[in-house]
Amino acid sequence: PIISGLLVSGWQGAAVQILAILASTLIYIPFVKALDNQYRKEELGTNNN
């Protein structure tokens, strides 16, 4: 994705795409952590039974 922005509009397009990737990663991190915690709790609960 970054190369396409670079080819179409120069370094500014590549910079915008890098920022978009970083923003979407930061948005997803809390949800991934919450799901990981849920799976960890389920795994610990099934191991104790």
PDB file of N, CA and C in Angstrom:
ATOM      1  N   PRO A   1       0.799  -1.207   0.000  1.00  0.00           N
ATOM      2  CA  PRO A   1       0.000   0.000   0.000  1.00  0.00           C
ATOM      3  C   PRO A   1       0.842   1.271   0.000  1.00  0.00           C
ATOM      4  N   ILE A   2       1.989   1.242   0.617  1.00  0.00           N
ATOM      5  CA  ILE A   2       2.799   2.453   0.717  1.00  0.00           C
ATOM      6  C   ILE A   2       3.389   2.822  -0.640  1.00  0.00           C
ATOM      7  N   ILE A   3       3.770   1.821  -1.408  1.00  0.00           N
ATOM      8  CA  ILE A   3       4.371   2.091  -2.712  1.00  0.00           C
ATOM      9  C   ILE A   3       3.363   2.746  -3.645  1.00  0.00           C
ATOM     10  N   SER A   4       2.101   2.339  -3.574  1.00  0.00           N
ATOM     11  CA  SER A   4       1.097   2.940  -4.449  1.00  0.00           C
ATOM     12  C   SER A   4       0.920   4.423  -4.142  1.00  0.00           C
ATOM     13  N   GLY A   5       0.928   4.782  -2.866  1.00  0.00           N
ATOM     14  CA  GLY A   5       0.838   6.198  -2.512  1.00  0.00           C
ATOM     15  C   GLY A   5       2.042   6.975  -2.990  1.00  0.00           C
ATOM     16  N   LEU A   6       3.204   6.339  -2.925  1.00  0.00           N
ATOM     17  CA  LEU A   6       4.429   6.978  -3.398  1.00  0.00           C
ATOM     18  C   LEU A   6       4.378   7.191  -4.904  1.00  0.00           C
ATOM     19  N   LEU A   7       3.885   6.203  -5.631  1.00  0.00           N
ATOM     20  CA  LEU A   7       3.820   6.318  -7.085  1.00  0.00           C
ATOM     21  C   LEU A   7       2.786   7.345  -7.533  1.00  0.00           C
ATOM     22  N   VAL A   8       1.677   7.422  -6.826  1.00  0.00           N
ATOM     23  CA  VAL A   8       0.593   8.305  -7.257  1.00  0.00           C
ATOM     24  C   VAL A   8       0.855   9.755  -6.895  1.00  0.00           C
ATOM     25  N   SER A   9       1.274  10.015  -5.662  1.00  0.00           N
ATOM     26  CA  SER A   9       1.376  11.416  -5.245  1.00  0.00           C
ATOM     27  C   SER A   9       2.680  11.748  -4.535  1.00  0.00           C
ATOM     28  N   GLY A  10       3.700  10.956  -4.726  1.00  0.00           N
ATOM     29  CA  GLY A  10       4.997  11.295  -4.143  1.00  0.00           C
ATOM     30  C   GLY A  10       5.085  10.910  -2.682  1.00  0.00           C
ATOM     31  N   TRP A  11       6.053  11.514  -2.019  1.00  0.00           N
ATOM     32  CA  TRP A  11       6.315  11.138  -0.630  1.00  0.00           C
ATOM     33  C   TRP A  11       5.165  11.508   0.293  1.00  0.00           C
ATOM     34  N   GLN A  12       4.364  12.522  -0.073  1.00  0.00           N
ATOM     35  CA  GLN A  12       3.233  12.899   0.768  1.00  0.00           C
ATOM     36  C   GLN A  12       2.189  11.783   0.814  1.00  0.00           C
ATOM     37  N   GLY A  13       1.958  11.142  -0.308  1.00  0.00           N
ATOM     38  CA  GLY A  13       1.012  10.030  -0.344  1.00  0.00           C
ATOM     39  C   GLY A  13       1.491   8.856   0.483  1.00  0.00           C
ATOM     40  N   ALA A  14       2.791   8.572   0.413  1.00  0.00           N
ATOM     41  CA  ALA A  14       3.351   7.493   1.217  1.00  0.00           C
ATOM     42  C   ALA A  14       3.251   7.828   2.702  1.00  0.00           C
ATOM     43  N   ALA A  15       3.490   9.088   3.053  1.00  0.00           N
ATOM     44  CA  ALA A  15       3.405   9.500   4.455  1.00  0.00           C
ATOM     45  C   ALA A  15       1.975   9.364   4.977  1.00  0.00           C
ATOM     46  N   VAL A  16       1.002   9.728   4.168  1.00  0.00           N
ATOM     47  CA  VAL A  16      -0.400   9.598   4.579  1.00  0.00           C
ATOM     48  C   VAL A  16      -0.756   8.131   4.790  1.00  0.00           C
ATOM     49  N   GLN A  17      -0.277   7.268   3.914  1.00  0.00           N
ATOM     50  CA  GLN A  17      -0.580   5.848   4.068  1.00  0.00           C
ATOM     51  C   GLN A  17       0.094   5.262   5.306  1.00  0.00           C
ATOM     52  N   ILE A  18       1.300   5.691   5.602  1.00  0.00           N
ATOM     53  CA  ILE A  18       1.974   5.232   6.822  1.00  0.00           C
ATOM     54  C   ILE A  18       1.194   5.680   8.051  1.00  0.00           C
ATOM     55  N   LEU A  19       0.736   6.932   8.050  1.00  0.00           N
ATOM     56  CA  LEU A  19      -0.058   7.426   9.179  1.00  0.00           C
ATOM     57  C   LEU A  19      -1.375   6.663   9.318  1.00  0.00           C
ATOM     58  N   ALA A  20      -1.989   6.312   8.201  1.00  0.00           N
ATOM     59  CA  ALA A  20      -3.241   5.557   8.253  1.00  0.00           C
ATOM     60  C   ALA A  20      -3.015   4.158   8.828  1.00  0.00           C
ATOM     61  N   ILE A  21      -1.915   3.535   8.453  1.00  0.00           N
ATOM     62  CA  ILE A  21      -1.602   2.209   8.991  1.00  0.00           C
ATOM     63  C   ILE A  21      -1.345   2.299  10.488  1.00  0.00           C
ATOM     64  N   LEU A  22      -0.603   3.300  10.917  1.00  0.00           N
ATOM     65  CA  LEU A  22      -0.333   3.471  12.344  1.00  0.00           C
ATOM     66  C   LEU A  22      -1.619   3.737  13.128  1.00  0.00           C
ATOM     67  N   ALA A  23      -2.484   4.579  12.588  1.00  0.00           N
ATOM     68  CA  ALA A  23      -3.737   4.893  13.278  1.00  0.00           C
ATOM     69  C   ALA A  23      -4.618   3.657  13.398  1.00  0.00           C
ATOM     70  N   SER A  24      -4.731   2.888  12.332  1.00  0.00           N
ATOM     71  CA  SER A  24      -5.573   1.695  12.404  1.00  0.00           C
ATOM     72  C   SER A  24      -4.986   0.658  13.351  1.00  0.00           C
ATOM     73  N   THR A  25      -3.663   0.568  13.418  1.00  0.00           N
ATOM     74  CA  THR A  25      -3.032  -0.353  14.364  1.00  0.00           C
ATOM     75  C   THR A  25      -3.328   0.071  15.792  1.00  0.00           C
ATOM     76  N   LEU A  26      -3.223   1.360  16.068  1.00  0.00           N
ATOM     77  CA  LEU A  26      -3.502   1.848  17.418  1.00  0.00           C
ATOM     78  C   LEU A  26      -4.963   1.649  17.808  1.00  0.00           C
ATOM     79  N   ILE A  27      -5.857   1.700  16.835  1.00  0.00           N
ATOM     80  CA  ILE A  27      -7.270   1.480  17.121  1.00  0.00           C
ATOM     81  C   ILE A  27      -7.533   0.007  17.435  1.00  0.00           C
ATOM     82  N   TYR A  28      -6.853  -0.905  16.749  1.00  0.00           N
ATOM     83  CA  TYR A  28      -7.093  -2.332  16.931  1.00  0.00           C
ATOM     84  C   TYR A  28      -6.472  -2.900  18.197  1.00  0.00           C
ATOM     85  N   ILE A  29      -5.395  -2.325  18.702  1.00  0.00           N
ATOM     86  CA  ILE A  29      -4.655  -2.895  19.830  1.00  0.00           C
ATOM     87  C   ILE A  29      -5.540  -3.176  21.054  1.00  0.00           C
ATOM     88  N   PRO A  30      -6.383  -2.259  21.519  1.00  0.00           N
ATOM     89  CA  PRO A  30      -7.193  -2.564  22.712  1.00  0.00           C
ATOM     90  C   PRO A  30      -8.136  -3.751  22.514  1.00  0.00           C
ATOM     91  N   PHE A  31      -8.679  -3.903  21.317  1.00  0.00           N
ATOM     92  CA  PHE A  31      -9.594  -5.005  21.060  1.00  0.00           C
ATOM     93  C   PHE A  31      -8.855  -6.340  21.034  1.00  0.00           C
ATOM     94  N   VAL A  32      -7.671  -6.353  20.468  1.00  0.00           N
ATOM     95  CA  VAL A  32      -6.871  -7.579  20.442  1.00  0.00           C
ATOM     96  C   VAL A  32      -6.461  -7.967  21.857  1.00  0.00           C
ATOM     97  N   LYS A  33      -6.081  -6.988  22.667  1.00  0.00           N
ATOM     98  CA  LYS A  33      -5.710  -7.281  24.053  1.00  0.00           C
ATOM     99  C   LYS A  33      -6.903  -7.805  24.847  1.00  0.00           C
ATOM    100  N   ALA A  34      -8.071  -7.228  24.637  1.00  0.00           N
ATOM    101  CA  ALA A  34      -9.265  -7.691  25.348  1.00  0.00           C
ATOM    102  C   ALA A  34      -9.598  -9.128  24.962  1.00  0.00           C
ATOM    103  N   LEU A  35      -9.510  -9.440  23.686  1.00  0.00           N
ATOM    104  CA  LEU A  35      -9.783 -10.800  23.241  1.00  0.00           C
ATOM    105  C   LEU A  35      -8.743 -11.768  23.782  1.00  0.00           C
ATOM    106  N   ASP A  36      -7.489 -11.351  23.822  1.00  0.00           N
ATOM    107  CA  ASP A  36      -6.430 -12.189  24.378  1.00  0.00           C
ATOM    108  C   ASP A  36      -6.679 -12.466  25.857  1.00  0.00           C
ATOM    109  N   ASN A  37      -7.096 -11.449  26.596  1.00  0.00           N
ATOM    110  CA  ASN A  37      -7.418 -11.646  28.016  1.00  0.00           C
ATOM    111  C   ASN A  37      -8.593 -12.601  28.191  1.00  0.00           C
ATOM    112  N   GLN A  38      -9.592 -12.485  27.325  1.00  0.00           N
ATOM    113  CA  GLN A  38     -10.743 -13.382  27.400  1.00  0.00           C
ATOM    114  C   GLN A  38     -10.309 -14.822  27.144  1.00  0.00           C
ATOM    115  N   TYR A  39      -9.497 -15.044  26.128  1.00  0.00           N
ATOM    116  CA  TYR A  39      -9.023 -16.397  25.831  1.00  0.00           C
ATOM    117  C   TYR A  39      -8.147 -16.934  26.956  1.00  0.00           C
ATOM    118  N   ARG A  40      -7.341 -16.064  27.555  1.00  0.00           N
ATOM    119  CA  ARG A  40      -6.486 -16.495  28.661  1.00  0.00           C
ATOM    120  C   ARG A  40      -7.335 -16.939  29.849  1.00  0.00           C
ATOM    121  N   LYS A  41      -8.393 -16.170  30.165  1.00  0.00           N
ATOM    122  CA  LYS A  41      -9.276 -16.541  31.273  1.00  0.00           C
ATOM    123  C   LYS A  41      -9.980 -17.865  30.991  1.00  0.00           C
ATOM    124  N   GLU A  42     -10.424 -18.054  29.743  1.00  0.00           N
ATOM    125  CA  GLU A  42     -11.081 -19.310  29.388  1.00  0.00           C
ATOM    126  C   GLU A  42     -10.108 -20.476  29.496  1.00  0.00           C
ATOM    127  N   GLU A  43      -8.874 -20.270  29.059  1.00  0.00           N
ATOM    128  CA  GLU A  43      -7.884 -21.337  29.111  1.00  0.00           C
ATOM    129  C   GLU A  43      -7.546 -21.703  30.553  1.00  0.00           C
ATOM    130  N   LEU A  44      -7.397 -20.714  31.404  1.00  0.00           N
ATOM    131  CA  LEU A  44      -7.102 -20.994  32.802  1.00  0.00           C
ATOM    132  C   LEU A  44      -8.287 -21.661  33.485  1.00  0.00           C
ATOM    133  N   GLY A  45      -9.484 -21.296  33.102  1.00  0.00           N
ATOM    134  CA  GLY A  45     -10.676 -21.900  33.681  1.00  0.00           C
ATOM    135  C   GLY A  45     -10.841 -23.347  33.269  1.00  0.00           C
ATOM    136  N   THR A  46     -10.527 -23.678  32.031  1.00  0.00           N
ATOM    137  CA  THR A  46     -10.671 -25.062  31.575  1.00  0.00           C
ATOM    138  C   THR A  46      -9.561 -25.944  32.113  1.00  0.00           C
ATOM    139  N   ASN A  47      -8.394 -25.399  32.384  1.00  0.00           N
ATOM    140  CA  ASN A  47      -7.299 -26.202  32.923  1.00  0.00           C
ATOM    141  C   ASN A  47      -7.540 -26.563  34.382  1.00  0.00           C
ATOM    142  N   ASN A  48      -8.249 -25.724  35.117  1.00  0.00           N
ATOM    143  CA  ASN A  48      -8.490 -25.985  36.532  1.00  0.00           C
ATOM    144  C   ASN A  48      -9.600 -27.005  36.744  1.00  0.00           C
ATOM    145  N   ASN A  49     -10.455 -27.214  35.758  1.00  0.00           N
ATOM    146  CA  ASN A  49     -11.586 -28.146  35.919  1.00  0.00           C
ATOM    147  C   ASN A  49     -11.185 -29.557  35.653  1.00  0.00           C
TER     148      ASN A  49
END
